Each structure stands twice: as structure tokens, then as C-alpha cells.
Amino acid sequence: MTRGNQRDLARAKAMKKEKSGKSASDQDGNKGLTLEQRKQRDADRMREKQLKKIQDKEAGGGGGGGGNK
């Protein structure tokens, strides 16, 4: 069996993906935000998640993490 058209199929698939893909600035959650604003927003979210994780760990005693052996 020969696969002579494999390259053509891959090229067509890549073009379709490129056409339908959105850049980060075009996505709905990022509309109207600059790169710096997105970075700041994401950093704030990560800090909140980390704080929540620390609070959950202190309150609940962990739960399912892999402990020391």
C-alpha cells in the first residue's frame, strides 16, 4: 500500500485547523484585554487557587495526597 496523499491530507487538515483556531486575544474570555491585563488576571486567579488549596489543607488535613513512606 502506498500513502502518496498522506502529505496532502495532513496539509489540508493543518489549514483547516489554522483557519478555525483562535488566538488568545480573540477568545471570548480575553476580549478587550491587553496581554498585561490577561497576565494580571491569570496571576490573581492562581493566587486565589493557591490560597484556597492551603486553607483546605489546613482545615481538612489533606485527604488524598500521596504521603511519605
PDB file of N, CA and C in Angstrom:
ATOM      1  N   MET A   1       0.836  -1.192   0.000  1.00  0.00           N
ATOM      2  CA  MET A   1       0.000   0.000   0.000  1.00  0.00           C
ATOM      3  C   MET A   1       0.874   1.246   0.000  1.00  0.00           C
ATOM      4  N   THR A   2       0.486   2.176  -0.801  1.00  0.00           N
ATOM      5  CA  THR A   2       1.218   3.435  -0.836  1.00  0.00           C
ATOM      6  C   THR A   2       0.390   4.516  -0.168  1.00  0.00           C
ATOM      7  N   ARG A   3       1.086   5.455   0.343  1.00  0.00           N
ATOM      8  CA  ARG A   3       0.405   6.554   1.036  1.00  0.00           C
ATOM      9  C   ARG A   3       0.853   7.870   0.429  1.00  0.00           C
ATOM     10  N   GLY A   4       0.687   7.989  -0.831  1.00  0.00           N
ATOM     11  CA  GLY A   4       1.158   9.166  -1.536  1.00  0.00           C
ATOM     12  C   GLY A   4       0.424  10.436  -1.179  1.00  0.00           C
ATOM     13  N   ASN A   5      -0.830  10.311  -0.774  1.00  0.00           N
ATOM     14  CA  ASN A   5      -1.597  11.525  -0.492  1.00  0.00           C
ATOM     15  C   ASN A   5      -1.578  11.884   0.993  1.00  0.00           C
ATOM     16  N   GLN A   6      -0.787  11.203   1.794  1.00  0.00           N
ATOM     17  CA  GLN A   6      -0.748  11.473   3.230  1.00  0.00           C
ATOM     18  C   GLN A   6      -0.311  12.911   3.512  1.00  0.00           C
ATOM     19  N   ARG A   7       0.666  13.376   2.764  1.00  0.00           N
ATOM     20  CA  ARG A   7       1.151  14.744   2.951  1.00  0.00           C
ATOM     21  C   ARG A   7       0.060  15.751   2.596  1.00  0.00           C
ATOM     22  N   ASP A   8      -0.652  15.487   1.507  1.00  0.00           N
ATOM     23  CA  ASP A   8      -1.735  16.394   1.107  1.00  0.00           C
ATOM     24  C   ASP A   8      -2.842  16.423   2.150  1.00  0.00           C
ATOM     25  N   LEU A   9      -3.187  15.258   2.687  1.00  0.00           N
ATOM     26  CA  LEU A   9      -4.234  15.206   3.708  1.00  0.00           C
ATOM     27  C   LEU A   9      -3.803  15.948   4.973  1.00  0.00           C
ATOM     28  N   ALA A  10      -2.556  15.771   5.362  1.00  0.00           N
ATOM     29  CA  ALA A  10      -2.047  16.458   6.547  1.00  0.00           C
ATOM     30  C   ALA A  10      -2.033  17.967   6.341  1.00  0.00           C
ATOM     31  N   ARG A  11      -1.658  18.389   5.146  1.00  0.00           N
ATOM     32  CA  ARG A  11      -1.630  19.821   4.842  1.00  0.00           C
ATOM     33  C   ARG A  11      -3.042  20.403   4.895  1.00  0.00           C
ATOM     34  N   ALA A  12      -4.016  19.687   4.331  1.00  0.00           N
ATOM     35  CA  ALA A  12      -5.402  20.160   4.350  1.00  0.00           C
ATOM     36  C   ALA A  12      -5.928  20.224   5.784  1.00  0.00           C
ATOM     37  N   LYS A  13      -5.598  19.223   6.577  1.00  0.00           N
ATOM     38  CA  LYS A  13      -6.036  19.203   7.969  1.00  0.00           C
ATOM     39  C   LYS A  13      -5.436  20.374   8.745  1.00  0.00           C
ATOM     40  N   ALA A  14      -4.162  20.650   8.511  1.00  0.00           N
ATOM     41  CA  ALA A  14      -3.495  21.759   9.193  1.00  0.00           C
ATOM     42  C   ALA A  14      -4.098  23.099   8.792  1.00  0.00           C
ATOM     43  N   MET A  15      -4.424  23.256   7.521  1.00  0.00           N
ATOM     44  CA  MET A  15      -5.031  24.512   7.063  1.00  0.00           C
ATOM     45  C   MET A  15      -6.401  24.700   7.695  1.00  0.00           C
ATOM     46  N   LYS A  16      -7.174  23.625   7.782  1.00  0.00           N
ATOM     47  CA  LYS A  16      -8.500  23.699   8.390  1.00  0.00           C
ATOM     48  C   LYS A  16      -8.385  24.078   9.867  1.00  0.00           C
ATOM     49  N   LYS A  17      -7.439  23.464  10.548  1.00  0.00           N
ATOM     50  CA  LYS A  17      -7.232  23.746  11.965  1.00  0.00           C
ATOM     51  C   LYS A  17      -6.781  25.188  12.173  1.00  0.00           C
ATOM     52  N   GLU A  18      -5.898  25.667  11.310  1.00  0.00           N
ATOM     53  CA  GLU A  18      -5.394  27.033  11.421  1.00  0.00           C
ATOM     54  C   GLU A  18      -6.506  28.046  11.192  1.00  0.00           C
ATOM     55  N   LYS A  19      -7.383  27.738  10.252  1.00  0.00           N
ATOM     56  CA  LYS A  19      -8.462  28.666   9.933  1.00  0.00           C
ATOM     57  C   LYS A  19      -9.478  28.743  11.072  1.00  0.00           C
ATOM     58  N   SER A  20      -9.773  27.608  11.691  1.00  0.00           N
ATOM     59  CA  SER A  20     -10.795  27.597  12.728  1.00  0.00           C
ATOM     60  C   SER A  20     -10.244  27.968  14.099  1.00  0.00           C
ATOM     61  N   GLY A  21      -8.939  27.884  14.286  1.00  0.00           N
ATOM     62  CA  GLY A  21      -8.348  28.184  15.587  1.00  0.00           C
ATOM     63  C   GLY A  21      -8.372  29.669  15.888  1.00  0.00           C
ATOM     64  N   LYS A  22      -8.487  29.990  17.162  1.00  0.00           N
ATOM     65  CA  LYS A  22      -8.497  31.387  17.582  1.00  0.00           C
ATOM     66  C   LYS A  22      -7.227  31.677  18.359  1.00  0.00           C
ATOM     67  N   SER A  23      -6.732  32.875  18.209  1.00  0.00           N
ATOM     68  CA  SER A  23      -5.599  33.269  19.035  1.00  0.00           C
ATOM     69  C   SER A  23      -6.123  33.621  20.430  1.00  0.00           C
ATOM     70  N   ALA A  24      -5.240  33.749  21.384  1.00  0.00           N
ATOM     71  CA  ALA A  24      -5.648  34.012  22.766  1.00  0.00           C
ATOM     72  C   ALA A  24      -6.429  35.323  22.877  1.00  0.00           C
ATOM     73  N   SER A  25      -6.063  36.314  22.096  1.00  0.00           N
ATOM     74  CA  SER A  25      -6.738  37.607  22.206  1.00  0.00           C
ATOM     75  C   SER A  25      -8.123  37.599  21.569  1.00  0.00           C
ATOM     76  N   ASP A  26      -8.418  36.599  20.734  1.00  0.00           N
ATOM     77  CA  ASP A  26      -9.722  36.538  20.083  1.00  0.00           C
ATOM     78  C   ASP A  26     -10.748  35.739  20.876  1.00  0.00           C
ATOM     79  N   GLN A  27     -10.337  35.016  21.884  1.00  0.00           N
ATOM     80  CA  GLN A  27     -11.264  34.198  22.643  1.00  0.00           C
ATOM     81  C   GLN A  27     -12.162  35.079  23.494  1.00  0.00           C
ATOM     82  N   ASP A  28     -13.369  34.572  23.791  1.00  0.00           N
ATOM     83  CA  ASP A  28     -14.376  35.373  24.477  1.00  0.00           C
ATOM     84  C   ASP A  28     -13.911  35.884  25.838  1.00  0.00           C
ATOM     85  N   GLY A  29     -13.207  35.069  26.593  1.00  0.00           N
ATOM     86  CA  GLY A  29     -12.760  35.483  27.919  1.00  0.00           C
ATOM     87  C   GLY A  29     -11.699  36.564  27.890  1.00  0.00           C
ATOM     88  N   ASN A  30     -11.078  36.770  26.741  1.00  0.00           N
ATOM     89  CA  ASN A  30      -9.980  37.726  26.643  1.00  0.00           C
ATOM     90  C   ASN A  30     -10.338  38.960  25.821  1.00  0.00           C
ATOM     91  N   LYS A  31     -11.569  39.100  25.425  1.00  0.00           N
ATOM     92  CA  LYS A  31     -11.960  40.231  24.584  1.00  0.00           C
ATOM     93  C   LYS A  31     -11.685  41.554  25.288  1.00  0.00           C
ATOM     94  N   GLY A  32     -11.005  42.428  24.609  1.00  0.00           N
ATOM     95  CA  GLY A  32     -10.767  43.770  25.118  1.00  0.00           C
ATOM     96  C   GLY A  32      -9.650  43.877  26.135  1.00  0.00           C
ATOM     97  N   LEU A  33      -8.957  42.777  26.434  1.00  0.00           N
ATOM     98  CA  LEU A  33      -7.877  42.821  27.414  1.00  0.00           C
ATOM     99  C   LEU A  33      -6.530  42.800  26.712  1.00  0.00           C
ATOM    100  N   THR A  34      -5.610  43.561  27.243  1.00  0.00           N
ATOM    101  CA  THR A  34      -4.252  43.530  26.709  1.00  0.00           C
ATOM    102  C   THR A  34      -3.521  42.333  27.310  1.00  0.00           C
ATOM    103  N   LEU A  35      -2.354  42.067  26.795  1.00  0.00           N
ATOM    104  CA  LEU A  35      -1.556  40.958  27.303  1.00  0.00           C
ATOM    105  C   LEU A  35      -1.255  41.146  28.791  1.00  0.00           C
ATOM    106  N   GLU A  36      -0.906  42.352  29.176  1.00  0.00           N
ATOM    107  CA  GLU A  36      -0.586  42.617  30.584  1.00  0.00           C
ATOM    108  C   GLU A  36      -1.802  42.413  31.477  1.00  0.00           C
ATOM    109  N   GLN A  37      -2.975  42.834  30.996  1.00  0.00           N
ATOM    110  CA  GLN A  37      -4.193  42.652  31.781  1.00  0.00           C
ATOM    111  C   GLN A  37      -4.525  41.169  31.936  1.00  0.00           C
ATOM    112  N   ARG A  38      -4.324  40.400  30.873  1.00  0.00           N
ATOM    113  CA  ARG A  38      -4.572  38.951  30.950  1.00  0.00           C
ATOM    114  C   ARG A  38      -3.608  38.295  31.924  1.00  0.00           C
ATOM    115  N   LYS A  39      -2.335  38.709  31.867  1.00  0.00           N
ATOM    116  CA  LYS A  39      -1.341  38.148  32.792  1.00  0.00           C
ATOM    117  C   LYS A  39      -1.720  38.450  34.238  1.00  0.00           C
ATOM    118  N   GLN A  40      -2.133  39.692  34.492  1.00  0.00           N
ATOM    119  CA  GLN A  40      -2.514  40.084  35.847  1.00  0.00           C
ATOM    120  C   GLN A  40      -3.733  39.296  36.315  1.00  0.00           C
ATOM    121  N   ARG A  41      -4.727  39.160  35.450  1.00  0.00           N
ATOM    122  CA  ARG A  41      -5.935  38.410  35.798  1.00  0.00           C
ATOM    123  C   ARG A  41      -5.596  36.958  36.106  1.00  0.00           C
ATOM    124  N   ASP A  42      -4.775  36.349  35.274  1.00  0.00           N
ATOM    125  CA  ASP A  42      -4.402  34.950  35.471  1.00  0.00           C
ATOM    126  C   ASP A  42      -3.584  34.774  36.748  1.00  0.00           C
ATOM    127  N   ALA A  43      -2.697  35.719  37.031  1.00  0.00           N
ATOM    128  CA  ALA A  43      -1.898  35.639  38.256  1.00  0.00           C
ATOM    129  C   ALA A  43      -2.794  35.749  39.485  1.00  0.00           C
ATOM    130  N   ASP A  44      -3.782  36.634  39.434  1.00  0.00           N
ATOM    131  CA  ASP A  44      -4.716  36.773  40.553  1.00  0.00           C
ATOM    132  C   ASP A  44      -5.499  35.482  40.764  1.00  0.00           C
ATOM    133  N   ARG A  45      -5.940  34.873  39.683  1.00  0.00           N
ATOM    134  CA  ARG A  45      -6.680  33.610  39.792  1.00  0.00           C
ATOM    135  C   ARG A  45      -5.816  32.517  40.403  1.00  0.00           C
ATOM    136  N   MET A  46      -4.564  32.447  39.980  1.00  0.00           N
ATOM    137  CA  MET A  46      -3.675  31.421  40.518  1.00  0.00           C
ATOM    138  C   MET A  46      -3.421  31.649  42.006  1.00  0.00           C
ATOM    139  N   ARG A  47      -3.249  32.904  42.421  1.00  0.00           N
ATOM    140  CA  ARG A  47      -3.052  33.194  43.839  1.00  0.00           C
ATOM    141  C   ARG A  47      -4.271  32.771  44.650  1.00  0.00           C
ATOM    142  N   GLU A  48      -5.469  33.043  44.123  1.00  0.00           N
ATOM    143  CA  GLU A  48      -6.693  32.644  44.813  1.00  0.00           C
ATOM    144  C   GLU A  48      -6.779  31.128  44.942  1.00  0.00           C
ATOM    145  N   LYS A  49      -6.440  30.418  43.866  1.00  0.00           N
ATOM    146  CA  LYS A  49      -6.477  28.957  43.904  1.00  0.00           C
ATOM    147  C   LYS A  49      -5.481  28.410  44.918  1.00  0.00           C
ATOM    148  N   GLN A  50      -4.275  28.985  44.949  1.00  0.00           N
ATOM    149  CA  GLN A  50      -3.260  28.526  45.889  1.00  0.00           C
ATOM    150  C   GLN A  50      -3.697  28.783  47.329  1.00  0.00           C
ATOM    151  N   LEU A  51      -4.272  29.956  47.581  1.00  0.00           N
ATOM    152  CA  LEU A  51      -4.744  30.286  48.916  1.00  0.00           C
ATOM    153  C   LEU A  51      -5.852  29.334  49.345  1.00  0.00           C
ATOM    154  N   LYS A  52      -6.772  29.057  48.435  1.00  0.00           N
ATOM    155  CA  LYS A  52      -7.868  28.137  48.738  1.00  0.00           C
ATOM    156  C   LYS A  52      -7.334  26.742  49.039  1.00  0.00           C
ATOM    157  N   LYS A  53      -6.350  26.303  48.282  1.00  0.00           N
ATOM    158  CA  LYS A  53      -5.775  24.984  48.497  1.00  0.00           C
ATOM    159  C   LYS A  53      -5.101  24.903  49.863  1.00  0.00           C
ATOM    160  N   ILE A  54      -4.386  25.958  50.240  1.00  0.00           N
ATOM    161  CA  ILE A  54      -3.737  25.990  51.552  1.00  0.00           C
ATOM    162  C   ILE A  54      -4.781  25.956  52.658  1.00  0.00           C
ATOM    163  N   GLN A  55      -5.853  26.728  52.496  1.00  0.00           N
ATOM    164  CA  GLN A  55      -6.905  26.759  53.508  1.00  0.00           C
ATOM    165  C   GLN A  55      -7.593  25.405  53.624  1.00  0.00           C
ATOM    166  N   ASP A  56      -7.855  24.756  52.509  1.00  0.00           N
ATOM    167  CA  ASP A  56      -8.482  23.437  52.531  1.00  0.00           C
ATOM    168  C   ASP A  56      -7.572  22.423  53.211  1.00  0.00           C
ATOM    169  N   LYS A  57      -6.288  22.538  52.946  1.00  0.00           N
ATOM    170  CA  LYS A  57      -5.325  21.607  53.529  1.00  0.00           C
ATOM    171  C   LYS A  57      -5.267  21.783  55.044  1.00  0.00           C
ATOM    172  N   GLU A  58      -5.288  23.024  55.514  1.00  0.00           N
ATOM    173  CA  GLU A  58      -5.246  23.290  56.950  1.00  0.00           C
ATOM    174  C   GLU A  58      -6.535  22.847  57.630  1.00  0.00           C
ATOM    175  N   ALA A  59      -7.658  23.068  56.976  1.00  0.00           N
ATOM    176  CA  ALA A  59      -8.948  22.756  57.581  1.00  0.00           C
ATOM    177  C   ALA A  59      -9.246  21.255  57.557  1.00  0.00           C
ATOM    178  N   GLY A  60      -8.972  20.608  56.438  1.00  0.00           N
ATOM    179  CA  GLY A  60      -9.370  19.218  56.291  1.00  0.00           C
ATOM    180  C   GLY A  60      -8.281  18.213  56.563  1.00  0.00           C
ATOM    181  N   GLY A  61      -7.076  18.629  56.696  1.00  0.00           N
ATOM    182  CA  GLY A  61      -5.997  17.692  56.946  1.00  0.00           C
ATOM    183  C   GLY A  61      -5.535  16.950  55.712  1.00  0.00           C
ATOM    184  N   GLY A  62      -5.775  17.462  54.560  1.00  0.00           N
ATOM    185  CA  GLY A  62      -5.284  16.823  53.330  1.00  0.00           C
ATOM    186  C   GLY A  62      -6.350  15.975  52.690  1.00  0.00           C
ATOM    187  N   GLY A  63      -6.259  14.671  52.871  1.00  0.00           N
ATOM    188  CA  GLY A  63      -7.278  13.817  52.284  1.00  0.00           C
ATOM    189  C   GLY A  63      -6.696  12.776  51.382  1.00  0.00           C
ATOM    190  N   GLY A  64      -6.250  13.150  50.209  1.00  0.00           N
ATOM    191  CA  GLY A  64      -5.842  12.141  49.251  1.00  0.00           C
ATOM    192  C   GLY A  64      -4.469  12.314  48.675  1.00  0.00           C
ATOM    193  N   GLY A  65      -3.669  13.173  49.228  1.00  0.00           N
ATOM    194  CA  GLY A  65      -2.333  13.366  48.678  1.00  0.00           C
ATOM    195  C   GLY A  65      -1.446  12.168  48.939  1.00  0.00           C
ATOM    196  N   GLY A  66      -0.393  12.025  48.169  1.00  0.00           N
ATOM    197  CA  GLY A  66       0.496  10.897  48.394  1.00  0.00           C
ATOM    198  C   GLY A  66       1.435  11.193  49.547  1.00  0.00           C
ATOM    199  N   GLY A  67       1.371  10.584  50.627  1.00  0.00           N
ATOM    200  CA  GLY A  67       2.166  10.923  51.799  1.00  0.00           C
ATOM    201  C   GLY A  67       3.565  10.354  51.752  1.00  0.00           C
ATOM    202  N   ASN A  68       4.294  10.525  52.828  1.00  0.00           N
ATOM    203  CA  ASN A  68       5.643   9.967  52.948  1.00  0.00           C
ATOM    204  C   ASN A  68       5.565   8.486  53.276  1.00  0.00           C
ATOM    205  N   LYS A  69       6.562   7.759  52.836  1.00  0.00           N
ATOM    206  CA  LYS A  69       6.565   6.316  53.105  1.00  0.00           C
ATOM    207  C   LYS A  69       7.589   5.981  54.152  1.00  0.00           C
TER     208      LYS A  69
END
